[in-house]
Amino acid sequence: PFPSLTSSLLSLGPLVVRPDYLIMLAAM
């Protein structure tokens, strides 16, 4: 697997977001 760029998850209440995916969305 390609290494994850971050090691923790962000919790937005009951929702969970991976920070590297959030960075990818912001970059896009």
mmCIF file of all heavy atoms, coordinates in Angstrom:
data_MODEL
# 
_entry.id   MODEL 
# 
loop_
_atom_site.group_PDB 
_atom_site.id 
_atom_site.type_symbol 
_atom_site.label_atom_id 
_atom_site.label_alt_id 
_atom_site.label_comp_id 
_atom_site.label_asym_id 
_atom_site.label_entity_id 
_atom_site.label_seq_id 
_atom_site.pdbx_PDB_ins_code 
_atom_site.Cartn_x 
_atom_site.Cartn_y 
_atom_site.Cartn_z 
_atom_site.occupancy 
_atom_site.B_iso_or_equiv 
_atom_site.pdbx_formal_charge 
_atom_site.auth_seq_id 
_atom_site.auth_comp_id 
_atom_site.auth_asym_id 
_atom_site.auth_atom_id 
_atom_site.pdbx_PDB_model_num 
ATOM 1   N N   . PRO A 1 1  ? 0.838   -1.206 0.000  1.00 0.00 ? 1  PRO A N   1 
ATOM 2   C CA  . PRO A 1 1  ? 0.000   0.000  0.000  1.00 0.00 ? 1  PRO A CA  1 
ATOM 3   C C   . PRO A 1 1  ? 0.866   1.246  0.000  1.00 0.00 ? 1  PRO A C   1 
ATOM 4   O O   . PRO A 1 1  ? 1.949   1.270  0.583  1.00 0.00 ? 1  PRO A O   1 
ATOM 5   C CB  . PRO A 1 1  ? -0.782  -0.124 1.306  1.00 0.00 ? 1  PRO A CB  1 
ATOM 6   C CG  . PRO A 1 1  ? 0.118   -0.919 2.195  1.00 0.00 ? 1  PRO A CG  1 
ATOM 7   C CD  . PRO A 1 1  ? 0.874   -1.867 1.293  1.00 0.00 ? 1  PRO A CD  1 
ATOM 8   N N   . PHE A 1 2  ? 0.392   2.289  -0.694 1.00 0.00 ? 2  PHE A N   1 
ATOM 9   C CA  . PHE A 1 2  ? 1.104   3.557  -0.650 1.00 0.00 ? 2  PHE A CA  1 
ATOM 10  C C   . PHE A 1 2  ? 0.945   4.106  0.752  1.00 0.00 ? 2  PHE A C   1 
ATOM 11  O O   . PHE A 1 2  ? -0.150  4.084  1.315  1.00 0.00 ? 2  PHE A O   1 
ATOM 12  C CB  . PHE A 1 2  ? 0.529   4.534  -1.685 1.00 0.00 ? 2  PHE A CB  1 
ATOM 13  C CG  . PHE A 1 2  ? 1.344   5.771  -1.845 1.00 0.00 ? 2  PHE A CG  1 
ATOM 14  C CD1 . PHE A 1 2  ? 2.508   5.751  -2.588 1.00 0.00 ? 2  PHE A CD1 1 
ATOM 15  C CD2 . PHE A 1 2  ? 0.967   6.950  -1.235 1.00 0.00 ? 2  PHE A CD2 1 
ATOM 16  C CE1 . PHE A 1 2  ? 3.282   6.890  -2.731 1.00 0.00 ? 2  PHE A CE1 1 
ATOM 17  C CE2 . PHE A 1 2  ? 1.723   8.097  -1.374 1.00 0.00 ? 2  PHE A CE2 1 
ATOM 18  C CZ  . PHE A 1 2  ? 2.889   8.063  -2.123 1.00 0.00 ? 2  PHE A CZ  1 
ATOM 19  N N   . PRO A 1 3  ? 2.019   4.590  1.368  1.00 0.00 ? 3  PRO A N   1 
ATOM 20  C CA  . PRO A 1 3  ? 1.920   5.043  2.766  1.00 0.00 ? 3  PRO A CA  1 
ATOM 21  C C   . PRO A 1 3  ? 0.995   6.239  2.912  1.00 0.00 ? 3  PRO A C   1 
ATOM 22  O O   . PRO A 1 3  ? 0.965   7.128  2.083  1.00 0.00 ? 3  PRO A O   1 
ATOM 23  C CB  . PRO A 1 3  ? 3.365   5.423  3.105  1.00 0.00 ? 3  PRO A CB  1 
ATOM 24  C CG  . PRO A 1 3  ? 4.027   5.637  1.806  1.00 0.00 ? 3  PRO A CG  1 
ATOM 25  C CD  . PRO A 1 3  ? 3.348   4.759  0.819  1.00 0.00 ? 3  PRO A CD  1 
ATOM 26  N N   . SER A 1 4  ? 0.238   6.220  3.989  1.00 0.00 ? 4  SER A N   1 
ATOM 27  C CA  . SER A 1 4  ? -0.651  7.341  4.290  1.00 0.00 ? 4  SER A CA  1 
ATOM 28  C C   . SER A 1 4  ? 0.186   8.546  4.692  1.00 0.00 ? 4  SER A C   1 
ATOM 29  O O   . SER A 1 4  ? 1.152   8.424  5.435  1.00 0.00 ? 4  SER A O   1 
ATOM 30  C CB  . SER A 1 4  ? -1.596  6.964  5.429  1.00 0.00 ? 4  SER A CB  1 
ATOM 31  O OG  . SER A 1 4  ? -2.405  8.056  5.757  1.00 0.00 ? 4  SER A OG  1 
ATOM 32  N N   . LEU A 1 5  ? -0.170  9.699  4.170  1.00 0.00 ? 5  LEU A N   1 
ATOM 33  C CA  . LEU A 1 5  ? 0.602   10.901 4.470  1.00 0.00 ? 5  LEU A CA  1 
ATOM 34  C C   . LEU A 1 5  ? 0.327   11.435 5.866  1.00 0.00 ? 5  LEU A C   1 
ATOM 35  O O   . LEU A 1 5  ? 1.077   12.251 6.382  1.00 0.00 ? 5  LEU A O   1 
ATOM 36  C CB  . LEU A 1 5  ? 0.305   11.980 3.427  1.00 0.00 ? 5  LEU A CB  1 
ATOM 37  C CG  . LEU A 1 5  ? 0.674   11.603 1.998  1.00 0.00 ? 5  LEU A CG  1 
ATOM 38  C CD1 . LEU A 1 5  ? 0.293   12.710 1.045  1.00 0.00 ? 5  LEU A CD1 1 
ATOM 39  C CD2 . LEU A 1 5  ? 2.146   11.284 1.884  1.00 0.00 ? 5  LEU A CD2 1 
ATOM 40  N N   . THR A 1 6  ? -0.745  10.995 6.485  1.00 0.00 ? 6  THR A N   1 
ATOM 41  C CA  . THR A 1 6  ? -1.074  11.390 7.857  1.00 0.00 ? 6  THR A CA  1 
ATOM 42  C C   . THR A 1 6  ? -1.395  10.135 8.647  1.00 0.00 ? 6  THR A C   1 
ATOM 43  O O   . THR A 1 6  ? -1.791  9.116  8.089  1.00 0.00 ? 6  THR A O   1 
ATOM 44  C CB  . THR A 1 6  ? -2.275  12.345 7.891  1.00 0.00 ? 6  THR A CB  1 
ATOM 45  O OG1 . THR A 1 6  ? -3.386  11.713 7.272  1.00 0.00 ? 6  THR A OG1 1 
ATOM 46  C CG2 . THR A 1 6  ? -1.962  13.639 7.171  1.00 0.00 ? 6  THR A CG2 1 
ATOM 47  N N   . SER A 1 7  ? -1.239  10.229 9.945  1.00 0.00 ? 7  SER A N   1 
ATOM 48  C CA  . SER A 1 7  ? -1.439  9.025  10.755 1.00 0.00 ? 7  SER A CA  1 
ATOM 49  C C   . SER A 1 7  ? -2.737  9.025  11.550 1.00 0.00 ? 7  SER A C   1 
ATOM 50  O O   . SER A 1 7  ? -3.128  8.012  12.091 1.00 0.00 ? 7  SER A O   1 
ATOM 51  C CB  . SER A 1 7  ? -0.259  8.855  11.712 1.00 0.00 ? 7  SER A CB  1 
ATOM 52  O OG  . SER A 1 7  ? -0.161  9.973  12.553 1.00 0.00 ? 7  SER A OG  1 
ATOM 53  N N   . SER A 1 8  ? -3.404  10.145 11.643 1.00 0.00 ? 8  SER A N   1 
ATOM 54  C CA  . SER A 1 8  ? -4.609  10.203 12.463 1.00 0.00 ? 8  SER A CA  1 
ATOM 55  C C   . SER A 1 8  ? -5.825  10.519 11.600 1.00 0.00 ? 8  SER A C   1 
ATOM 56  O O   . SER A 1 8  ? -5.713  10.939 10.460 1.00 0.00 ? 8  SER A O   1 
ATOM 57  C CB  . SER A 1 8  ? -4.449  11.266 13.547 1.00 0.00 ? 8  SER A CB  1 
ATOM 58  O OG  . SER A 1 8  ? -4.289  12.534 12.944 1.00 0.00 ? 8  SER A OG  1 
ATOM 59  N N   . LEU A 1 9  ? -6.988  10.309 12.162 1.00 0.00 ? 9  LEU A N   1 
ATOM 60  C CA  . LEU A 1 9  ? -8.243  10.623 11.497 1.00 0.00 ? 9  LEU A CA  1 
ATOM 61  C C   . LEU A 1 9  ? -8.862  11.849 12.153 1.00 0.00 ? 9  LEU A C   1 
ATOM 62  O O   . LEU A 1 9  ? -8.679  12.098 13.341 1.00 0.00 ? 9  LEU A O   1 
ATOM 63  C CB  . LEU A 1 9  ? -9.209  9.443  11.615 1.00 0.00 ? 9  LEU A CB  1 
ATOM 64  C CG  . LEU A 1 9  ? -8.779  8.139  10.963 1.00 0.00 ? 9  LEU A CG  1 
ATOM 65  C CD1 . LEU A 1 9  ? -9.774  7.026  11.292 1.00 0.00 ? 9  LEU A CD1 1 
ATOM 66  C CD2 . LEU A 1 9  ? -8.666  8.301  9.469  1.00 0.00 ? 9  LEU A CD2 1 
ATOM 67  N N   . LEU A 1 10 ? -9.595  12.613 11.367 1.00 0.00 ? 10 LEU A N   1 
ATOM 68  C CA  . LEU A 1 10 ? -10.316 13.764 11.913 1.00 0.00 ? 10 LEU A CA  1 
ATOM 69  C C   . LEU A 1 10 ? -11.754 13.361 12.188 1.00 0.00 ? 10 LEU A C   1 
ATOM 70  O O   . LEU A 1 10 ? -12.399 12.753 11.345 1.00 0.00 ? 10 LEU A O   1 
ATOM 71  C CB  . LEU A 1 10 ? -10.305 14.924 10.914 1.00 0.00 ? 10 LEU A CB  1 
ATOM 72  C CG  . LEU A 1 10 ? -8.972  15.571 10.598 1.00 0.00 ? 10 LEU A CG  1 
ATOM 73  C CD1 . LEU A 1 10 ? -9.148  16.620 9.506  1.00 0.00 ? 10 LEU A CD1 1 
ATOM 74  C CD2 . LEU A 1 10 ? -8.385  16.209 11.840 1.00 0.00 ? 10 LEU A CD2 1 
ATOM 75  N N   . SER A 1 11 ? -12.232 13.689 13.353 1.00 0.00 ? 11 SER A N   1 
ATOM 76  C CA  . SER A 1 11 ? -13.621 13.402 13.689 1.00 0.00 ? 11 SER A CA  1 
ATOM 77  C C   . SER A 1 11 ? -14.417 14.689 13.636 1.00 0.00 ? 11 SER A C   1 
ATOM 78  O O   . SER A 1 11 ? -14.074 15.678 14.286 1.00 0.00 ? 11 SER A O   1 
ATOM 79  C CB  . SER A 1 11 ? -13.719 12.801 15.092 1.00 0.00 ? 11 SER A CB  1 
ATOM 80  O OG  . SER A 1 11 ? -13.098 11.549 15.126 1.00 0.00 ? 11 SER A OG  1 
ATOM 81  N N   . LEU A 1 12 ? -15.476 14.669 12.856 1.00 0.00 ? 12 LEU A N   1 
ATOM 82  C CA  . LEU A 1 12 ? -16.395 15.796 12.766 1.00 0.00 ? 12 LEU A CA  1 
ATOM 83  C C   . LEU A 1 12 ? -17.734 15.326 13.315 1.00 0.00 ? 12 LEU A C   1 
ATOM 84  O O   . LEU A 1 12 ? -18.627 14.979 12.566 1.00 0.00 ? 12 LEU A O   1 
ATOM 85  C CB  . LEU A 1 12 ? -16.536 16.265 11.313 1.00 0.00 ? 12 LEU A CB  1 
ATOM 86  C CG  . LEU A 1 12 ? -15.242 16.614 10.576 1.00 0.00 ? 12 LEU A CG  1 
ATOM 87  C CD1 . LEU A 1 12 ? -15.503 16.833 9.106  1.00 0.00 ? 12 LEU A CD1 1 
ATOM 88  C CD2 . LEU A 1 12 ? -14.630 17.850 11.202 1.00 0.00 ? 12 LEU A CD2 1 
ATOM 89  N N   . GLY A 1 13 ? -17.803 15.273 14.615 1.00 0.00 ? 13 GLY A N   1 
ATOM 90  C CA  . GLY A 1 13 ? -18.984 14.699 15.250 1.00 0.00 ? 13 GLY A CA  1 
ATOM 91  C C   . GLY A 1 13 ? -18.985 13.198 15.011 1.00 0.00 ? 13 GLY A C   1 
ATOM 92  O O   . GLY A 1 13 ? -18.002 12.521 15.279 1.00 0.00 ? 13 GLY A O   1 
ATOM 93  N N   . PRO A 1 14 ? -20.061 12.665 14.454 1.00 0.00 ? 14 PRO A N   1 
ATOM 94  C CA  . PRO A 1 14 ? -20.094 11.230 14.184 1.00 0.00 ? 14 PRO A CA  1 
ATOM 95  C C   . PRO A 1 14 ? -19.385 10.849 12.877 1.00 0.00 ? 14 PRO A C   1 
ATOM 96  O O   . PRO A 1 14 ? -19.219 9.675  12.587 1.00 0.00 ? 14 PRO A O   1 
ATOM 97  C CB  . PRO A 1 14 ? -21.597 10.930 14.076 1.00 0.00 ? 14 PRO A CB  1 
ATOM 98  C CG  . PRO A 1 14 ? -22.195 12.217 13.622 1.00 0.00 ? 14 PRO A CG  1 
ATOM 99  C CD  . PRO A 1 14 ? -21.356 13.297 14.238 1.00 0.00 ? 14 PRO A CD  1 
ATOM 100 N N   . LEU A 1 15 ? -18.937 11.833 12.108 1.00 0.00 ? 15 LEU A N   1 
ATOM 101 C CA  . LEU A 1 15 ? -18.287 11.571 10.825 1.00 0.00 ? 15 LEU A CA  1 
ATOM 102 C C   . LEU A 1 15 ? -16.772 11.521 10.995 1.00 0.00 ? 15 LEU A C   1 
ATOM 103 O O   . LEU A 1 15 ? -16.205 12.241 11.814 1.00 0.00 ? 15 LEU A O   1 
ATOM 104 C CB  . LEU A 1 15 ? -18.655 12.650 9.809  1.00 0.00 ? 15 LEU A CB  1 
ATOM 105 C CG  . LEU A 1 15 ? -20.146 12.841 9.548  1.00 0.00 ? 15 LEU A CG  1 
ATOM 106 C CD1 . LEU A 1 15 ? -20.366 14.018 8.632  1.00 0.00 ? 15 LEU A CD1 1 
ATOM 107 C CD2 . LEU A 1 15 ? -20.751 11.580 8.964  1.00 0.00 ? 15 LEU A CD2 1 
ATOM 108 N N   . VAL A 1 16 ? -16.129 10.671 10.199 1.00 0.00 ? 16 VAL A N   1 
ATOM 109 C CA  . VAL A 1 16 ? -14.680 10.520 10.251 1.00 0.00 ? 16 VAL A CA  1 
ATOM 110 C C   . VAL A 1 16 ? -14.119 10.830 8.870  1.00 0.00 ? 16 VAL A C   1 
ATOM 111 O O   . VAL A 1 16 ? -14.630 10.349 7.857  1.00 0.00 ? 16 VAL A O   1 
ATOM 112 C CB  . VAL A 1 16 ? -14.297 9.076  10.670 1.00 0.00 ? 16 VAL A CB  1 
ATOM 113 C CG1 . VAL A 1 16 ? -12.795 8.894  10.671 1.00 0.00 ? 16 VAL A CG1 1 
ATOM 114 C CG2 . VAL A 1 16 ? -14.883 8.749  12.027 1.00 0.00 ? 16 VAL A CG2 1 
ATOM 115 N N   . VAL A 1 17 ? -13.042 11.643 8.836  1.00 0.00 ? 17 VAL A N   1 
ATOM 116 C CA  . VAL A 1 17 ? -12.420 12.052 7.582  1.00 0.00 ? 17 VAL A CA  1 
ATOM 117 C C   . VAL A 1 17 ? -10.924 11.803 7.679  1.00 0.00 ? 17 VAL A C   1 
ATOM 118 O O   . VAL A 1 17 ? -10.299 12.125 8.691  1.00 0.00 ? 17 VAL A O   1 
ATOM 119 C CB  . VAL A 1 17 ? -12.681 13.556 7.314  1.00 0.00 ? 17 VAL A CB  1 
ATOM 120 C CG1 . VAL A 1 17 ? -11.992 14.014 6.051  1.00 0.00 ? 17 VAL A CG1 1 
ATOM 121 C CG2 . VAL A 1 17 ? -14.160 13.839 7.239  1.00 0.00 ? 17 VAL A CG2 1 
ATOM 122 N N   . ARG A 1 18 ? -10.365 11.238 6.614  1.00 0.00 ? 18 ARG A N   1 
ATOM 123 C CA  . ARG A 1 18 ? -8.913  11.079 6.536  1.00 0.00 ? 18 ARG A CA  1 
ATOM 124 C C   . ARG A 1 18 ? -8.304  12.412 6.093  1.00 0.00 ? 18 ARG A C   1 
ATOM 125 O O   . ARG A 1 18 ? -8.719  12.975 5.088  1.00 0.00 ? 18 ARG A O   1 
ATOM 126 C CB  . ARG A 1 18 ? -8.532  9.988  5.542  1.00 0.00 ? 18 ARG A CB  1 
ATOM 127 C CG  . ARG A 1 18 ? -8.792  8.604  6.050  1.00 0.00 ? 18 ARG A CG  1 
ATOM 128 C CD  . ARG A 1 18 ? -8.390  7.544  5.080  1.00 0.00 ? 18 ARG A CD  1 
ATOM 129 N NE  . ARG A 1 18 ? -7.031  7.715  4.585  1.00 0.00 ? 18 ARG A NE  1 
ATOM 130 C CZ  . ARG A 1 18 ? -6.453  6.854  3.768  1.00 0.00 ? 18 ARG A CZ  1 
ATOM 131 N NH1 . ARG A 1 18 ? -7.098  5.796  3.347  1.00 0.00 ? 18 ARG A NH1 1 
ATOM 132 N NH2 . ARG A 1 18 ? -5.225  7.070  3.342  1.00 0.00 ? 18 ARG A NH2 1 
ATOM 133 N N   . PRO A 1 19 ? -7.315  12.928 6.826  1.00 0.00 ? 19 PRO A N   1 
ATOM 134 C CA  . PRO A 1 19 ? -6.722  14.215 6.458  1.00 0.00 ? 19 PRO A CA  1 
ATOM 135 C C   . PRO A 1 19 ? -6.081  14.227 5.066  1.00 0.00 ? 19 PRO A C   1 
ATOM 136 O O   . PRO A 1 19 ? -6.137  15.228 4.369  1.00 0.00 ? 19 PRO A O   1 
ATOM 137 C CB  . PRO A 1 19 ? -5.674  14.457 7.545  1.00 0.00 ? 19 PRO A CB  1 
ATOM 138 C CG  . PRO A 1 19 ? -6.128  13.645 8.701  1.00 0.00 ? 19 PRO A CG  1 
ATOM 139 C CD  . PRO A 1 19 ? -6.811  12.453 8.111  1.00 0.00 ? 19 PRO A CD  1 
ATOM 140 N N   . ASP A 1 20 ? -5.459  13.103 4.653  1.00 0.00 ? 20 ASP A N   1 
ATOM 141 C CA  . ASP A 1 20 ? -4.844  13.093 3.329  1.00 0.00 ? 20 ASP A CA  1 
ATOM 142 C C   . ASP A 1 20 ? -5.898  13.178 2.228  1.00 0.00 ? 20 ASP A C   1 
ATOM 143 O O   . ASP A 1 20 ? -5.681  13.807 1.192  1.00 0.00 ? 20 ASP A O   1 
ATOM 144 C CB  . ASP A 1 20 ? -3.934  11.881 3.140  1.00 0.00 ? 20 ASP A CB  1 
ATOM 145 C CG  . ASP A 1 20 ? -4.592  10.559 3.479  1.00 0.00 ? 20 ASP A CG  1 
ATOM 146 O OD1 . ASP A 1 20 ? -5.689  10.563 4.066  1.00 0.00 ? 20 ASP A OD1 1 
ATOM 147 O OD2 . ASP A 1 20 ? -4.005  9.510  3.160  1.00 0.00 ? 20 ASP A OD2 1 
ATOM 148 N N   . TYR A 1 21 ? -7.068  12.602 2.454  1.00 0.00 ? 21 TYR A N   1 
ATOM 149 C CA  . TYR A 1 21 ? -8.153  12.745 1.473  1.00 0.00 ? 21 TYR A CA  1 
ATOM 150 C C   . TYR A 1 21 ? -8.689  14.174 1.458  1.00 0.00 ? 21 TYR A C   1 
ATOM 151 O O   . TYR A 1 21 ? -9.057  14.691 0.408  1.00 0.00 ? 21 TYR A O   1 
ATOM 152 C CB  . TYR A 1 21 ? -9.295  11.786 1.794  1.00 0.00 ? 21 TYR A CB  1 
ATOM 153 C CG  . TYR A 1 21 ? -9.055  10.360 1.407  1.00 0.00 ? 21 TYR A CG  1 
ATOM 154 C CD1 . TYR A 1 21 ? -7.848  9.939  0.853  1.00 0.00 ? 21 TYR A CD1 1 
ATOM 155 C CD2 . TYR A 1 21 ? -10.030 9.398  1.591  1.00 0.00 ? 21 TYR A CD2 1 
ATOM 156 C CE1 . TYR A 1 21 ? -7.634  8.626  0.501  1.00 0.00 ? 21 TYR A CE1 1 
ATOM 157 C CE2 . TYR A 1 21 ? -9.829  8.076  1.235  1.00 0.00 ? 21 TYR A CE2 1 
ATOM 158 C CZ  . TYR A 1 21 ? -8.628  7.696  0.699  1.00 0.00 ? 21 TYR A CZ  1 
ATOM 159 O OH  . TYR A 1 21 ? -8.419  6.403  0.346  1.00 0.00 ? 21 TYR A OH  1 
ATOM 160 N N   . LEU A 1 22 ? -8.710  14.805 2.624  1.00 0.00 ? 22 LEU A N   1 
ATOM 161 C CA  . LEU A 1 22 ? -9.149  16.187 2.704  1.00 0.00 ? 22 LEU A CA  1 
ATOM 162 C C   . LEU A 1 22 ? -8.171  17.108 1.965  1.00 0.00 ? 22 LEU A C   1 
ATOM 163 O O   . LEU A 1 22 ? -8.578  18.022 1.251  1.00 0.00 ? 22 LEU A O   1 
ATOM 164 C CB  . LEU A 1 22 ? -9.281  16.600 4.168  1.00 0.00 ? 22 LEU A CB  1 
ATOM 165 C CG  . LEU A 1 22 ? -10.061 17.851 4.481  1.00 0.00 ? 22 LEU A CG  1 
ATOM 166 C CD1 . LEU A 1 22 ? -11.488 17.761 3.955  1.00 0.00 ? 22 LEU A CD1 1 
ATOM 167 C CD2 . LEU A 1 22 ? -10.063 18.103 5.975  1.00 0.00 ? 22 LEU A CD2 1 
ATOM 168 N N   . ILE A 1 23 ? -6.879  16.829 2.096  1.00 0.00 ? 23 ILE A N   1 
ATOM 169 C CA  . ILE A 1 23 ? -5.853  17.582 1.368  1.00 0.00 ? 23 ILE A CA  1 
ATOM 170 C C   . ILE A 1 23 ? -6.023  17.383 -0.139 1.00 0.00 ? 23 ILE A C   1 
ATOM 171 O O   . ILE A 1 23 ? -5.917  18.323 -0.921 1.00 0.00 ? 23 ILE A O   1 
ATOM 172 C CB  . ILE A 1 23 ? -4.438  17.165 1.831  1.00 0.00 ? 23 ILE A CB  1 
ATOM 173 C CG1 . ILE A 1 23 ? -4.200  17.619 3.266  1.00 0.00 ? 23 ILE A CG1 1 
ATOM 174 C CG2 . ILE A 1 23 ? -3.362  17.707 0.896  1.00 0.00 ? 23 ILE A CG2 1 
ATOM 175 C CD1 . ILE A 1 23 ? -2.975  17.007 3.916  1.00 0.00 ? 23 ILE A CD1 1 
ATOM 176 N N   . MET A 1 24 ? -6.304  16.142 -0.549 1.00 0.00 ? 24 MET A N   1 
ATOM 177 C CA  . MET A 1 24 ? -6.501  15.855 -1.963 1.00 0.00 ? 24 MET A CA  1 
ATOM 178 C C   . MET A 1 24 ? -7.723  16.589 -2.505 1.00 0.00 ? 24 MET A C   1 
ATOM 179 O O   . MET A 1 24 ? -7.695  17.134 -3.612 1.00 0.00 ? 24 MET A O   1 
ATOM 180 C CB  . MET A 1 24 ? -6.654  14.338 -2.167 1.00 0.00 ? 24 MET A CB  1 
ATOM 181 C CG  . MET A 1 24 ? -6.597  13.908 -3.584 1.00 0.00 ? 24 MET A CG  1 
ATOM 182 S SD  . MET A 1 24 ? -6.397  12.133 -3.813 1.00 0.00 ? 24 MET A SD  1 
ATOM 183 C CE  . MET A 1 24 ? -7.351  11.403 -2.529 1.00 0.00 ? 24 MET A CE  1 
ATOM 184 N N   . LEU A 1 25 ? -8.801  16.634 -1.736 1.00 0.00 ? 25 LEU A N   1 
ATOM 185 C CA  . LEU A 1 25 ? -9.993  17.358 -2.157 1.00 0.00 ? 25 LEU A CA  1 
ATOM 186 C C   . LEU A 1 25 ? -9.697  18.855 -2.287 1.00 0.00 ? 25 LEU A C   1 
ATOM 187 O O   . LEU A 1 25 ? -10.070 19.485 -3.282 1.00 0.00 ? 25 LEU A O   1 
ATOM 188 C CB  . LEU A 1 25 ? -11.137 17.138 -1.162 1.00 0.00 ? 25 LEU A CB  1 
ATOM 189 C CG  . LEU A 1 25 ? -12.425 17.911 -1.427 1.00 0.00 ? 25 LEU A CG  1 
ATOM 190 C CD1 . LEU A 1 25 ? -13.058 17.463 -2.739 1.00 0.00 ? 25 LEU A CD1 1 
ATOM 191 C CD2 . LEU A 1 25 ? -13.397 17.741 -0.276 1.00 0.00 ? 25 LEU A CD2 1 
ATOM 192 N N   . ALA A 1 26 ? -8.981  19.408 -1.317 1.00 0.00 ? 26 ALA A N   1 
ATOM 193 C CA  . ALA A 1 26 ? -8.631  20.830 -1.374 1.00 0.00 ? 26 ALA A CA  1 
ATOM 194 C C   . ALA A 1 26 ? -7.719  21.118 -2.567 1.00 0.00 ? 26 ALA A C   1 
ATOM 195 O O   . ALA A 1 26 ? -7.891  22.128 -3.261 1.00 0.00 ? 26 ALA A O   1 
ATOM 196 C CB  . ALA A 1 26 ? -7.958  21.258 -0.075 1.00 0.00 ? 26 ALA A CB  1 
ATOM 197 N N   . ALA A 1 27 ? -6.775  20.222 -2.827 1.00 0.00 ? 27 ALA A N   1 
ATOM 198 C CA  . ALA A 1 27 ? -5.878  20.404 -3.977 1.00 0.00 ? 27 ALA A CA  1 
ATOM 199 C C   . ALA A 1 27 ? -6.655  20.346 -5.281 1.00 0.00 ? 27 ALA A C   1 
ATOM 200 O O   . ALA A 1 27 ? -6.425  21.153 -6.189 1.00 0.00 ? 27 ALA A O   1 
ATOM 201 C CB  . ALA A 1 27 ? -4.787  19.339 -3.963 1.00 0.00 ? 27 ALA A CB  1 
ATOM 202 N N   . MET A 1 28 ? -7.579  19.418 -5.395 1.00 0.00 ? 28 MET A N   1 
ATOM 203 C CA  . MET A 1 28 ? -8.375  19.304 -6.613 1.00 0.00 ? 28 MET A CA  1 
ATOM 204 C C   . MET A 1 28 ? -9.216  20.552 -6.834 1.00 0.00 ? 28 MET A C   1 
ATOM 205 O O   . MET A 1 28 ? -9.275  21.086 -7.946 1.00 0.00 ? 28 MET A O   1 
ATOM 206 C CB  . MET A 1 28 ? -9.280  18.067 -6.540 1.00 0.00 ? 28 MET A CB  1 
ATOM 207 C CG  . MET A 1 28 ? -9.932  17.674 -7.850 1.00 0.00 ? 28 MET A CG  1 
ATOM 208 S SD  . MET A 1 28 ? -11.584 18.306 -8.166 1.00 0.00 ? 28 MET A SD  1 
ATOM 209 C CE  . MET A 1 28 ? -12.482 17.891 -6.727 1.00 0.00 ? 28 MET A CE  1 
# 
